Amino acid sequence: MMLSEMEVLARFTRLDAQVLEHWIAAGWLKPHRRDDGFFFDDADLARTHLLCDLCYDMELKDEELTMVLSLIDQLHSTRTLLRAMTKAVHSQPEHIREAILVKVRLHLIPPE
């Protein structure tokens, strides 16, 4: 589902066009750009909802928003990497998976 900028503004009633444009200019939102304007997919809508919460409910300023969004993006990237690594490990033979688990446990459980 793709929504136009006007549809997004209608959905997020506390958000105005100027703030939305600021978020796009700051790079916090990266909707699809077309000749007839910006269009938002489900991920953009979720991020818009997050930005509304951070900006309006938590009253974070631009510098704070930049830091929080950076941390969230890093966490998301780490989660994506871990999923890929998990998939790669699961595709290995049993003895390789066991060896990996042993090594991981050695790093997670401190020696006594």
PDB file of N, CA and C in Angstrom:
ATOM      1  N   MET A   1       0.843  -1.178   0.000  1.00  0.00           N
ATOM      2  CA  MET A   1       0.000   0.000   0.000  1.00  0.00           C
ATOM      3  C   MET A   1       0.892   1.245   0.000  1.00  0.00           C
ATOM      4  N   MET A   2       0.609   2.147  -0.882  1.00  0.00           N
ATOM      5  CA  MET A   2       1.343   3.406  -0.956  1.00  0.00           C
ATOM      6  C   MET A   2       0.347   4.550  -0.748  1.00  0.00           C
ATOM      7  N   LEU A   3       0.731   5.471   0.130  1.00  0.00           N
ATOM      8  CA  LEU A   3      -0.116   6.639   0.395  1.00  0.00           C
ATOM      9  C   LEU A   3       0.591   7.895  -0.066  1.00  0.00           C
ATOM     10  N   SER A   4      -0.185   8.822  -0.579  1.00  0.00           N
ATOM     11  CA  SER A   4       0.362  10.120  -0.967  1.00  0.00           C
ATOM     12  C   SER A   4       0.635  10.954   0.280  1.00  0.00           C
ATOM     13  N   GLU A   5       1.343  12.042   0.091  1.00  0.00           N
ATOM     14  CA  GLU A   5       1.620  12.949   1.205  1.00  0.00           C
ATOM     15  C   GLU A   5       0.324  13.452   1.840  1.00  0.00           C
ATOM     16  N   MET A   6      -0.661  13.782   1.015  1.00  0.00           N
ATOM     17  CA  MET A   6      -1.946  14.267   1.535  1.00  0.00           C
ATOM     18  C   MET A   6      -2.658  13.182   2.348  1.00  0.00           C
ATOM     19  N   GLU A   7      -2.563  11.934   1.902  1.00  0.00           N
ATOM     20  CA  GLU A   7      -3.187  10.837   2.637  1.00  0.00           C
ATOM     21  C   GLU A   7      -2.491  10.599   3.975  1.00  0.00           C
ATOM     22  N   VAL A   8      -1.182  10.771   3.980  1.00  0.00           N
ATOM     23  CA  VAL A   8      -0.425  10.628   5.235  1.00  0.00           C
ATOM     24  C   VAL A   8      -0.835  11.724   6.209  1.00  0.00           C
ATOM     25  N   LEU A   9      -0.945  12.939   5.718  1.00  0.00           N
ATOM     26  CA  LEU A   9      -1.347  14.055   6.582  1.00  0.00           C
ATOM     27  C   LEU A   9      -2.772  13.861   7.112  1.00  0.00           C
ATOM     28  N   ALA A  10      -3.637  13.245   6.313  1.00  0.00           N
ATOM     29  CA  ALA A  10      -4.997  12.963   6.771  1.00  0.00           C
ATOM     30  C   ALA A  10      -4.996  11.863   7.836  1.00  0.00           C
ATOM     31  N   ARG A  11      -4.088  10.904   7.703  1.00  0.00           N
ATOM     32  CA  ARG A  11      -4.014   9.791   8.655  1.00  0.00           C
ATOM     33  C   ARG A  11      -3.404  10.235   9.982  1.00  0.00           C
ATOM     34  N   PHE A  12      -2.370  11.079   9.922  1.00  0.00           N
ATOM     35  CA  PHE A  12      -1.682  11.559  11.126  1.00  0.00           C
ATOM     36  C   PHE A  12      -2.135  12.996  11.370  1.00  0.00           C
ATOM     37  N   THR A  13      -3.229  13.146  12.074  1.00  0.00           N
ATOM     38  CA  THR A  13      -3.878  14.449  12.194  1.00  0.00           C
ATOM     39  C   THR A  13      -3.052  15.482  12.949  1.00  0.00           C
ATOM     40  N   ARG A  14      -2.165  15.055  13.827  1.00  0.00           N
ATOM     41  CA  ARG A  14      -1.354  16.031  14.560  1.00  0.00           C
ATOM     42  C   ARG A  14      -0.130  16.478  13.766  1.00  0.00           C
ATOM     43  N   LEU A  15       0.086  15.897  12.610  1.00  0.00           N
ATOM     44  CA  LEU A  15       1.232  16.200  11.761  1.00  0.00           C
ATOM     45  C   LEU A  15       0.822  17.200  10.694  1.00  0.00           C
ATOM     46  N   ASP A  16       1.643  18.232  10.484  1.00  0.00           N
ATOM     47  CA  ASP A  16       1.338  19.170   9.410  1.00  0.00           C
ATOM     48  C   ASP A  16       2.382  19.047   8.300  1.00  0.00           C
ATOM     49  N   ALA A  17       2.062  19.619   7.150  1.00  0.00           N
ATOM     50  CA  ALA A  17       2.890  19.479   5.949  1.00  0.00           C
ATOM     51  C   ALA A  17       4.304  20.002   6.165  1.00  0.00           C
ATOM     52  N   GLN A  18       4.450  21.099   6.889  1.00  0.00           N
ATOM     53  CA  GLN A  18       5.767  21.695   7.120  1.00  0.00           C
ATOM     54  C   GLN A  18       6.662  20.754   7.928  1.00  0.00           C
ATOM     55  N   VAL A  19       6.117  20.137   8.948  1.00  0.00           N
ATOM     56  CA  VAL A  19       6.895  19.205   9.770  1.00  0.00           C
ATOM     57  C   VAL A  19       7.252  17.973   8.947  1.00  0.00           C
ATOM     58  N   LEU A  20       6.293  17.456   8.189  1.00  0.00           N
ATOM     59  CA  LEU A  20       6.556  16.292   7.344  1.00  0.00           C
ATOM     60  C   LEU A  20       7.674  16.596   6.345  1.00  0.00           C
ATOM     61  N   GLU A  21       7.623  17.755   5.729  1.00  0.00           N
ATOM     62  CA  GLU A  21       8.678  18.153   4.789  1.00  0.00           C
ATOM     63  C   GLU A  21      10.025  18.279   5.490  1.00  0.00           C
ATOM     64  N   HIS A  22      10.020  18.778   6.720  1.00  0.00           N
ATOM     65  CA  HIS A  22      11.261  18.880   7.505  1.00  0.00           C
ATOM     66  C   HIS A  22      11.846  17.493   7.765  1.00  0.00           C
ATOM     67  N   TRP A  23      10.988  16.548   8.147  1.00  0.00           N
ATOM     68  CA  TRP A  23      11.446  15.181   8.422  1.00  0.00           C
ATOM     69  C   TRP A  23      12.044  14.546   7.166  1.00  0.00           C
ATOM     70  N   ILE A  24      11.440  14.822   6.020  1.00  0.00           N
ATOM     71  CA  ILE A  24      11.969  14.288   4.759  1.00  0.00           C
ATOM     72  C   ILE A  24      13.296  14.960   4.432  1.00  0.00           C
ATOM     73  N   ALA A  25      13.367  16.279   4.566  1.00  0.00           N
ATOM     74  CA  ALA A  25      14.603  17.017   4.279  1.00  0.00           C
ATOM     75  C   ALA A  25      15.740  16.593   5.206  1.00  0.00           C
ATOM     76  N   ALA A  26      15.397  16.271   6.457  1.00  0.00           N
ATOM     77  CA  ALA A  26      16.414  15.842   7.424  1.00  0.00           C
ATOM     78  C   ALA A  26      16.876  14.410   7.162  1.00  0.00           C
ATOM     79  N   GLY A  27      16.146  13.691   6.314  1.00  0.00           N
ATOM     80  CA  GLY A  27      16.497  12.307   6.020  1.00  0.00           C
ATOM     81  C   GLY A  27      15.935  11.307   7.007  1.00  0.00           C
ATOM     82  N   TRP A  28      15.075  11.761   7.894  1.00  0.00           N
ATOM     83  CA  TRP A  28      14.473  10.865   8.882  1.00  0.00           C
ATOM     84  C   TRP A  28      13.390   9.998   8.245  1.00  0.00           C
ATOM     85  N   LEU A  29      12.763  10.528   7.211  1.00  0.00           N
ATOM     86  CA  LEU A  29      11.801   9.785   6.399  1.00  0.00           C
ATOM     87  C   LEU A  29      12.322   9.784   4.972  1.00  0.00           C
ATOM     88  N   LYS A  30      12.204   8.642   4.319  1.00  0.00           N
ATOM     89  CA  LYS A  30      12.693   8.527   2.943  1.00  0.00           C
ATOM     90  C   LYS A  30      11.613   7.901   2.063  1.00  0.00           C
ATOM     91  N   PRO A  31      10.510   8.646   1.876  1.00  0.00           N
ATOM     92  CA  PRO A  31       9.433   8.113   1.033  1.00  0.00           C
ATOM     93  C   PRO A  31       9.875   8.056  -0.433  1.00  0.00           C
ATOM     94  N   HIS A  32       9.102   7.343  -1.223  1.00  0.00           N
ATOM     95  CA  HIS A  32       9.384   7.241  -2.651  1.00  0.00           C
ATOM     96  C   HIS A  32       9.030   8.562  -3.320  1.00  0.00           C
ATOM     97  N   ARG A  33       9.950   9.057  -4.143  1.00  0.00           N
ATOM     98  CA  ARG A  33       9.735  10.332  -4.833  1.00  0.00           C
ATOM     99  C   ARG A  33       9.250  10.041  -6.244  1.00  0.00           C
ATOM    100  N   ARG A  34       8.140  10.652  -6.613  1.00  0.00           N
ATOM    101  CA  ARG A  34       7.593  10.547  -7.969  1.00  0.00           C
ATOM    102  C   ARG A  34       7.385  11.957  -8.508  1.00  0.00           C
ATOM    103  N   ASP A  35       7.067  12.034  -9.774  1.00  0.00           N
ATOM    104  CA  ASP A  35       6.814  13.344 -10.385  1.00  0.00           C
ATOM    105  C   ASP A  35       5.663  14.073  -9.698  1.00  0.00           C
ATOM    106  N   ASP A  36       4.690  13.310  -9.192  1.00  0.00           N
ATOM    107  CA  ASP A  36       3.518  13.919  -8.562  1.00  0.00           C
ATOM    108  C   ASP A  36       3.608  13.968  -7.042  1.00  0.00           C
ATOM    109  N   GLY A  37       4.832  13.832  -6.477  1.00  0.00           N
ATOM    110  CA  GLY A  37       5.024  14.004  -5.047  1.00  0.00           C
ATOM    111  C   GLY A  37       5.629  12.795  -4.370  1.00  0.00           C
ATOM    112  N   PHE A  38       5.570  12.814  -3.050  1.00  0.00           N
ATOM    113  CA  PHE A  38       6.098  11.726  -2.235  1.00  0.00           C
ATOM    114  C   PHE A  38       5.009  10.688  -1.985  1.00  0.00           C
ATOM    115  N   PHE A  39       5.445   9.424  -1.944  1.00  0.00           N
ATOM    116  CA  PHE A  39       4.539   8.334  -1.634  1.00  0.00           C
ATOM    117  C   PHE A  39       5.168   7.452  -0.569  1.00  0.00           C
ATOM    118  N   PHE A  40       4.346   7.047   0.391  1.00  0.00           N
ATOM    119  CA  PHE A  40       4.798   6.382   1.600  1.00  0.00           C
ATOM    120  C   PHE A  40       4.321   4.932   1.620  1.00  0.00           C
ATOM    121  N   ASP A  41       5.272   4.005   1.859  1.00  0.00           N
ATOM    122  CA  ASP A  41       4.901   2.593   1.999  1.00  0.00           C
ATOM    123  C   ASP A  41       4.686   2.283   3.482  1.00  0.00           C
ATOM    124  N   ASP A  42       4.444   1.013   3.790  1.00  0.00           N
ATOM    125  CA  ASP A  42       4.152   0.623   5.178  1.00  0.00           C
ATOM    126  C   ASP A  42       5.299   0.965   6.124  1.00  0.00           C
ATOM    127  N   ALA A  43       6.545   0.771   5.680  1.00  0.00           N
ATOM    128  CA  ALA A  43       7.696   1.099   6.527  1.00  0.00           C
ATOM    129  C   ALA A  43       7.759   2.604   6.787  1.00  0.00           C
ATOM    130  N   ASP A  44       7.462   3.405   5.774  1.00  0.00           N
ATOM    131  CA  ASP A  44       7.441   4.864   5.948  1.00  0.00           C
ATOM    132  C   ASP A  44       6.353   5.275   6.932  1.00  0.00           C
ATOM    133  N   LEU A  45       5.211   4.614   6.853  1.00  0.00           N
ATOM    134  CA  LEU A  45       4.116   4.930   7.775  1.00  0.00           C
ATOM    135  C   LEU A  45       4.491   4.568   9.209  1.00  0.00           C
ATOM    136  N   ALA A  46       5.136   3.430   9.391  1.00  0.00           N
ATOM    137  CA  ALA A  46       5.575   3.037  10.737  1.00  0.00           C
ATOM    138  C   ALA A  46       6.588   4.044  11.271  1.00  0.00           C
ATOM    139  N   ARG A  47       7.502   4.488  10.414  1.00  0.00           N
ATOM    140  CA  ARG A  47       8.509   5.465  10.842  1.00  0.00           C
ATOM    141  C   ARG A  47       7.843   6.811  11.147  1.00  0.00           C
ATOM    142  N   THR A  48       6.841   7.185  10.370  1.00  0.00           N
ATOM    143  CA  THR A  48       6.107   8.425  10.634  1.00  0.00           C
ATOM    144  C   THR A  48       5.426   8.348  11.996  1.00  0.00           C
ATOM    145  N   HIS A  49       4.830   7.206  12.286  1.00  0.00           N
ATOM    146  CA  HIS A  49       4.191   7.004  13.593  1.00  0.00           C
ATOM    147  C   HIS A  49       5.234   7.135  14.707  1.00  0.00           C
ATOM    148  N   LEU A  50       6.393   6.502  14.527  1.00  0.00           N
ATOM    149  CA  LEU A  50       7.478   6.604  15.512  1.00  0.00           C
ATOM    150  C   LEU A  50       7.911   8.054  15.688  1.00  0.00           C
ATOM    151  N   LEU A  51       8.106   8.762  14.587  1.00  0.00           N
ATOM    152  CA  LEU A  51       8.516  10.164  14.674  1.00  0.00           C
ATOM    153  C   LEU A  51       7.472  11.012  15.393  1.00  0.00           C
ATOM    154  N   CYS A  52       6.208  10.760  15.134  1.00  0.00           N
ATOM    155  CA  CYS A  52       5.151  11.493  15.852  1.00  0.00           C
ATOM    156  C   CYS A  52       5.253  11.232  17.350  1.00  0.00           C
ATOM    157  N   ASP A  53       5.451   9.980  17.731  1.00  0.00           N
ATOM    158  CA  ASP A  53       5.587   9.653  19.149  1.00  0.00           C
ATOM    159  C   ASP A  53       6.796  10.347  19.762  1.00  0.00           C
ATOM    160  N   LEU A  54       7.926  10.273  19.078  1.00  0.00           N
ATOM    161  CA  LEU A  54       9.149  10.871  19.613  1.00  0.00           C
ATOM    162  C   LEU A  54       9.060  12.396  19.674  1.00  0.00           C
ATOM    163  N   CYS A  55       8.475  12.979  18.647  1.00  0.00           N
ATOM    164  CA  CYS A  55       8.422  14.442  18.554  1.00  0.00           C
ATOM    165  C   CYS A  55       7.314  15.035  19.424  1.00  0.00           C
ATOM    166  N   TYR A  56       6.129  14.486  19.328  1.00  0.00           N
ATOM    167  CA  TYR A  56       4.987  15.090  20.013  1.00  0.00           C
ATOM    168  C   TYR A  56       4.781  14.558  21.433  1.00  0.00           C
ATOM    169  N   ASP A  57       4.912  13.261  21.619  1.00  0.00           N
ATOM    170  CA  ASP A  57       4.679  12.689  22.943  1.00  0.00           C
ATOM    171  C   ASP A  57       5.900  12.841  23.850  1.00  0.00           C
ATOM    172  N   MET A  58       7.068  12.567  23.294  1.00  0.00           N
ATOM    173  CA  MET A  58       8.294  12.633  24.111  1.00  0.00           C
ATOM    174  C   MET A  58       8.999  13.991  23.994  1.00  0.00           C
ATOM    175  N   GLU A  59       8.535  14.832  23.079  1.00  0.00           N
ATOM    176  CA  GLU A  59       9.028  16.191  22.884  1.00  0.00           C
ATOM    177  C   GLU A  59      10.534  16.251  22.614  1.00  0.00           C
ATOM    178  N   LEU A  60      11.035  15.287  21.822  1.00  0.00           N
ATOM    179  CA  LEU A  60      12.455  15.306  21.461  1.00  0.00           C
ATOM    180  C   LEU A  60      12.698  16.384  20.418  1.00  0.00           C
ATOM    181  N   LYS A  61      13.824  17.037  20.538  1.00  0.00           N
ATOM    182  CA  LYS A  61      14.236  18.062  19.580  1.00  0.00           C
ATOM    183  C   LYS A  61      15.047  17.406  18.464  1.00  0.00           C
ATOM    184  N   ASP A  62      15.388  18.198  17.434  1.00  0.00           N
ATOM    185  CA  ASP A  62      16.061  17.658  16.253  1.00  0.00           C
ATOM    186  C   ASP A  62      17.324  16.877  16.579  1.00  0.00           C
ATOM    187  N   GLU A  63      18.185  17.431  17.416  1.00  0.00           N
ATOM    188  CA  GLU A  63      19.443  16.753  17.747  1.00  0.00           C
ATOM    189  C   GLU A  63      19.169  15.414  18.436  1.00  0.00           C
ATOM    190  N   GLU A  64      18.212  15.405  19.327  1.00  0.00           N
ATOM    191  CA  GLU A  64      17.856  14.173  20.037  1.00  0.00           C
ATOM    192  C   GLU A  64      17.211  13.157  19.091  1.00  0.00           C
ATOM    193  N   LEU A  65      16.352  13.655  18.194  1.00  0.00           N
ATOM    194  CA  LEU A  65      15.727  12.768  17.212  1.00  0.00           C
ATOM    195  C   LEU A  65      16.785  12.110  16.332  1.00  0.00           C
ATOM    196  N   THR A  66      17.765  12.896  15.901  1.00  0.00           N
ATOM    197  CA  THR A  66      18.839  12.356  15.063  1.00  0.00           C
ATOM    198  C   THR A  66      19.549  11.220  15.786  1.00  0.00           C
ATOM    199  N   MET A  67      19.863  11.408  17.052  1.00  0.00           N
ATOM    200  CA  MET A  67      20.576  10.395  17.821  1.00  0.00           C
ATOM    201  C   MET A  67      19.706   9.151  18.031  1.00  0.00           C
ATOM    202  N   VAL A  68      18.461   9.336  18.424  1.00  0.00           N
ATOM    203  CA  VAL A  68      17.570   8.201  18.682  1.00  0.00           C
ATOM    204  C   VAL A  68      17.328   7.410  17.394  1.00  0.00           C
ATOM    205  N   LEU A  69      17.066   8.100  16.303  1.00  0.00           N
ATOM    206  CA  LEU A  69      16.826   7.407  15.032  1.00  0.00           C
ATOM    207  C   LEU A  69      18.067   6.665  14.558  1.00  0.00           C
ATOM    208  N   SER A  70      19.232   7.247  14.787  1.00  0.00           N
ATOM    209  CA  SER A  70      20.481   6.573  14.425  1.00  0.00           C
ATOM    210  C   SER A  70      20.623   5.270  15.204  1.00  0.00           C
ATOM    211  N   LEU A  71      20.343   5.315  16.488  1.00  0.00           N
ATOM    212  CA  LEU A  71      20.431   4.113  17.322  1.00  0.00           C
ATOM    213  C   LEU A  71      19.405   3.063  16.892  1.00  0.00           C
ATOM    214  N   ILE A  72      18.191   3.499  16.591  1.00  0.00           N
ATOM    215  CA  ILE A  72      17.159   2.567  16.128  1.00  0.00           C
ATOM    216  C   ILE A  72      17.575   1.934  14.806  1.00  0.00           C
ATOM    217  N   ASP A  73      18.119   2.738  13.901  1.00  0.00           N
ATOM    218  CA  ASP A  73      18.563   2.205  12.610  1.00  0.00           C
ATOM    219  C   ASP A  73      19.714   1.217  12.781  1.00  0.00           C
ATOM    220  N   GLN A  74      20.630   1.515  13.698  1.00  0.00           N
ATOM    221  CA  GLN A  74      21.731   0.584  13.973  1.00  0.00           C
ATOM    222  C   GLN A  74      21.192  -0.730  14.528  1.00  0.00           C
ATOM    223  N   LEU A  75      20.240  -0.636  15.425  1.00  0.00           N
ATOM    224  CA  LEU A  75      19.637  -1.838  16.004  1.00  0.00           C
ATOM    225  C   LEU A  75      18.937  -2.660  14.920  1.00  0.00           C
ATOM    226  N   HIS A  76      18.222  -1.994  14.041  1.00  0.00           N
ATOM    227  CA  HIS A  76      17.547  -2.680  12.950  1.00  0.00           C
ATOM    228  C   HIS A  76      18.555  -3.379  12.037  1.00  0.00           C
ATOM    229  N   SER A  77      19.656  -2.705  11.722  1.00  0.00           N
ATOM    230  CA  SER A  77      20.699  -3.305  10.882  1.00  0.00           C
ATOM    231  C   SER A  77      21.319  -4.511  11.565  1.00  0.00           C
ATOM    232  N   THR A  78      21.543  -4.403  12.869  1.00  0.00           N
ATOM    233  CA  THR A  78      22.109  -5.517  13.629  1.00  0.00           C
ATOM    234  C   THR A  78      21.149  -6.700  13.628  1.00  0.00           C
ATOM    235  N   ARG A  79      19.881  -6.428  13.787  1.00  0.00           N
ATOM    236  CA  ARG A  79      18.869  -7.490  13.765  1.00  0.00           C
ATOM    237  C   ARG A  79      18.838  -8.186  12.402  1.00  0.00           C
ATOM    238  N   THR A  80      18.942  -7.410  11.330  1.00  0.00           N
ATOM    239  CA  THR A  80      18.970  -7.980   9.982  1.00  0.00           C
ATOM    240  C   THR A  80      20.201  -8.859   9.794  1.00  0.00           C
ATOM    241  N   LEU A  81      21.341  -8.388  10.279  1.00  0.00           N
ATOM    242  CA  LEU A  81      22.577  -9.169  10.190  1.00  0.00           C
ATOM    243  C   LEU A  81      22.467 -10.462  10.993  1.00  0.00           C
ATOM    244  N   LEU A  82      21.927 -10.378  12.204  1.00  0.00           N
ATOM    245  CA  LEU A  82      21.772 -11.577  13.031  1.00  0.00           C
ATOM    246  C   LEU A  82      20.838 -12.607  12.387  1.00  0.00           C
ATOM    247  N   ARG A  83      19.788 -12.133  11.744  1.00  0.00           N
ATOM    248  CA  ARG A  83      18.892 -13.054  11.041  1.00  0.00           C
ATOM    249  C   ARG A  83      19.629 -13.764   9.913  1.00  0.00           C
ATOM    250  N   ALA A  84      20.440 -13.017   9.161  1.00  0.00           N
ATOM    251  CA  ALA A  84      21.212 -13.623   8.070  1.00  0.00           C
ATOM    252  C   ALA A  84      22.223 -14.624   8.609  1.00  0.00           C
ATOM    253  N   MET A  85      22.880 -14.269   9.713  1.00  0.00           N
ATOM    254  CA  MET A  85      23.855 -15.182  10.312  1.00  0.00           C
ATOM    255  C   MET A  85      23.170 -16.441  10.836  1.00  0.00           C
ATOM    256  N   THR A  86      22.014 -16.283  11.455  1.00  0.00           N
ATOM    257  CA  THR A  86      21.269 -17.426  11.957  1.00  0.00           C
ATOM    258  C   THR A  86      20.878 -18.356  10.811  1.00  0.00           C
ATOM    259  N   LYS A  87      20.424 -17.779   9.732  1.00  0.00           N
ATOM    260  CA  LYS A  87      20.055 -18.577   8.560  1.00  0.00           C
ATOM    261  C   LYS A  87      21.276 -19.320   8.011  1.00  0.00           C
ATOM    262  N   ALA A  88      22.413 -18.643   7.968  1.00  0.00           N
ATOM    263  CA  ALA A  88      23.641 -19.273   7.474  1.00  0.00           C
ATOM    264  C   ALA A  88      24.076 -20.411   8.388  1.00  0.00           C
ATOM    265  N   VAL A  89      24.002 -20.203   9.692  1.00  0.00           N
ATOM    266  CA  VAL A  89      24.393 -21.249  10.650  1.00  0.00           C
ATOM    267  C   VAL A  89      23.462 -22.454  10.520  1.00  0.00           C
ATOM    268  N   HIS A  90      22.154 -22.207  10.402  1.00  0.00           N
ATOM    269  CA  HIS A  90      21.194 -23.306  10.290  1.00  0.00           C
ATOM    270  C   HIS A  90      21.370 -24.115   9.011  1.00  0.00           C
ATOM    271  N   SER A  91      22.017 -23.530   8.015  1.00  0.00           N
ATOM    272  CA  SER A  91      22.223 -24.261   6.765  1.00  0.00           C
ATOM    273  C   SER A  91      23.460 -25.163   6.817  1.00  0.00           C
ATOM    274  N   GLN A  92      24.208 -25.075   7.907  1.00  0.00           N
ATOM    275  CA  GLN A  92      25.427 -25.878   8.055  1.00  0.00           C
ATOM    276  C   GLN A  92      25.107 -27.270   8.605  1.00  0.00           C
ATOM    277  N   PRO A  93      26.030 -28.210   8.384  1.00  0.00           N
ATOM    278  CA  PRO A  93      25.848 -29.542   8.972  1.00  0.00           C
ATOM    279  C   PRO A  93      25.810 -29.453  10.504  1.00  0.00           C
ATOM    280  N   GLU A  94      25.206 -30.460  11.111  1.00  0.00           N
ATOM    281  CA  GLU A  94      25.012 -30.493  12.560  1.00  0.00           C
ATOM    282  C   GLU A  94      26.308 -30.261  13.334  1.00  0.00           C
ATOM    283  N   HIS A  95      27.399 -30.915  12.955  1.00  0.00           N
ATOM    284  CA  HIS A  95      28.645 -30.774  13.720  1.00  0.00           C
ATOM    285  C   HIS A  95      29.202 -29.345  13.644  1.00  0.00           C
ATOM    286  N   ILE A  96      28.976 -28.670  12.548  1.00  0.00           N
ATOM    287  CA  ILE A  96      29.410 -27.267  12.422  1.00  0.00           C
ATOM    288  C   ILE A  96      28.538 -26.380  13.311  1.00  0.00           C
ATOM    289  N   ARG A  97      27.231 -26.611  13.314  1.00  0.00           N
ATOM    290  CA  ARG A  97      26.326 -25.835  14.169  1.00  0.00           C
ATOM    291  C   ARG A  97      26.702 -26.006  15.633  1.00  0.00           C
ATOM    292  N   GLU A  98      26.983 -27.225  16.040  1.00  0.00           N
ATOM    293  CA  GLU A  98      27.381 -27.492  17.425  1.00  0.00           C
ATOM    294  C   GLU A  98      28.676 -26.763  17.780  1.00  0.00           C
ATOM    295  N   ALA A  99      29.647 -26.784  16.879  1.00  0.00           N
ATOM    296  CA  ALA A  99      30.921 -26.096  17.125  1.00  0.00           C
ATOM    297  C   ALA A  99      30.711 -24.592  17.268  1.00  0.00           C
ATOM    298  N   ILE A 100      29.827 -24.046  16.460  1.00  0.00           N
ATOM    299  CA  ILE A 100      29.528 -22.614  16.561  1.00  0.00           C
ATOM    300  C   ILE A 100      28.873 -22.311  17.903  1.00  0.00           C
ATOM    301  N   LEU A 101      27.922 -23.123  18.321  1.00  0.00           N
ATOM    302  CA  LEU A 101      27.257 -22.915  19.615  1.00  0.00           C
ATOM    303  C   LEU A 101      28.246 -22.973  20.772  1.00  0.00           C
ATOM    304  N   VAL A 102      29.185 -23.895  20.710  1.00  0.00           N
ATOM    305  CA  VAL A 102      30.200 -23.979  21.765  1.00  0.00           C
ATOM    306  C   VAL A 102      30.989 -22.679  21.834  1.00  0.00           C
ATOM    307  N   LYS A 103      31.413 -22.165  20.683  1.00  0.00           N
ATOM    308  CA  LYS A 103      32.186 -20.910  20.653  1.00  0.00           C
ATOM    309  C   LYS A 103      31.355 -19.738  21.161  1.00  0.00           C
ATOM    310  N   VAL A 104      30.103 -19.683  20.772  1.00  0.00           N
ATOM    311  CA  VAL A 104      29.227 -18.593  21.218  1.00  0.00           C
ATOM    312  C   VAL A 104      29.058 -18.650  22.725  1.00  0.00           C
ATOM    313  N   ARG A 105      28.809 -19.817  23.254  1.00  0.00           N
ATOM    314  CA  ARG A 105      28.629 -19.957  24.706  1.00  0.00           C
ATOM    315  C   ARG A 105      29.883 -19.542  25.466  1.00  0.00           C
ATOM    316  N   LEU A 106      31.047 -19.825  24.911  1.00  0.00           N
ATOM    317  CA  LEU A 106      32.295 -19.411  25.557  1.00  0.00           C
ATOM    318  C   LEU A 106      32.383 -17.891  25.686  1.00  0.00           C
ATOM    319  N   HIS A 107      31.832 -17.192  24.708  1.00  0.00           N
ATOM    320  CA  HIS A 107      31.855 -15.712  24.742  1.00  0.00           C
ATOM    321  C   HIS A 107      30.748 -15.120  25.595  1.00  0.00           C
ATOM    322  N   LEU A 108      29.668 -15.865  25.782  1.00  0.00           N
ATOM    323  CA  LEU A 108      28.544 -15.352  26.560  1.00  0.00           C
ATOM    324  C   LEU A 108      28.644 -15.641  28.048  1.00  0.00           C
ATOM    325  N   ILE A 109      29.244 -16.762  28.373  1.00  0.00           N
ATOM    326  CA  ILE A 109      29.333 -17.175  29.776  1.00  0.00           C
ATOM    327  C   ILE A 109      30.757 -16.905  30.271  1.00  0.00           C
ATOM    328  N   PRO A 110      30.902 -15.945  31.171  1.00  0.00           N
ATOM    329  CA  PRO A 110      32.250 -15.626  31.654  1.00  0.00           C
ATOM    330  C   PRO A 110      32.825 -16.790  32.480  1.00  0.00           C
ATOM    331  N   PRO A 111      34.120 -17.016  32.363  1.00  0.00           N
ATOM    332  CA  PRO A 111      34.749 -18.083  33.163  1.00  0.00           C
ATOM    333  C   PRO A 111      34.702 -17.729  34.643  1.00  0.00           C
ATOM    334  N   GLU A 112      34.597 -18.746  35.478  1.00  0.00           N
ATOM    335  CA  GLU A 112      34.529 -18.522  36.938  1.00  0.00           C
ATOM    336  C   GLU A 112      35.895 -18.475  37.539  1.00  0.00           C
TER     337      GLU A 112
END
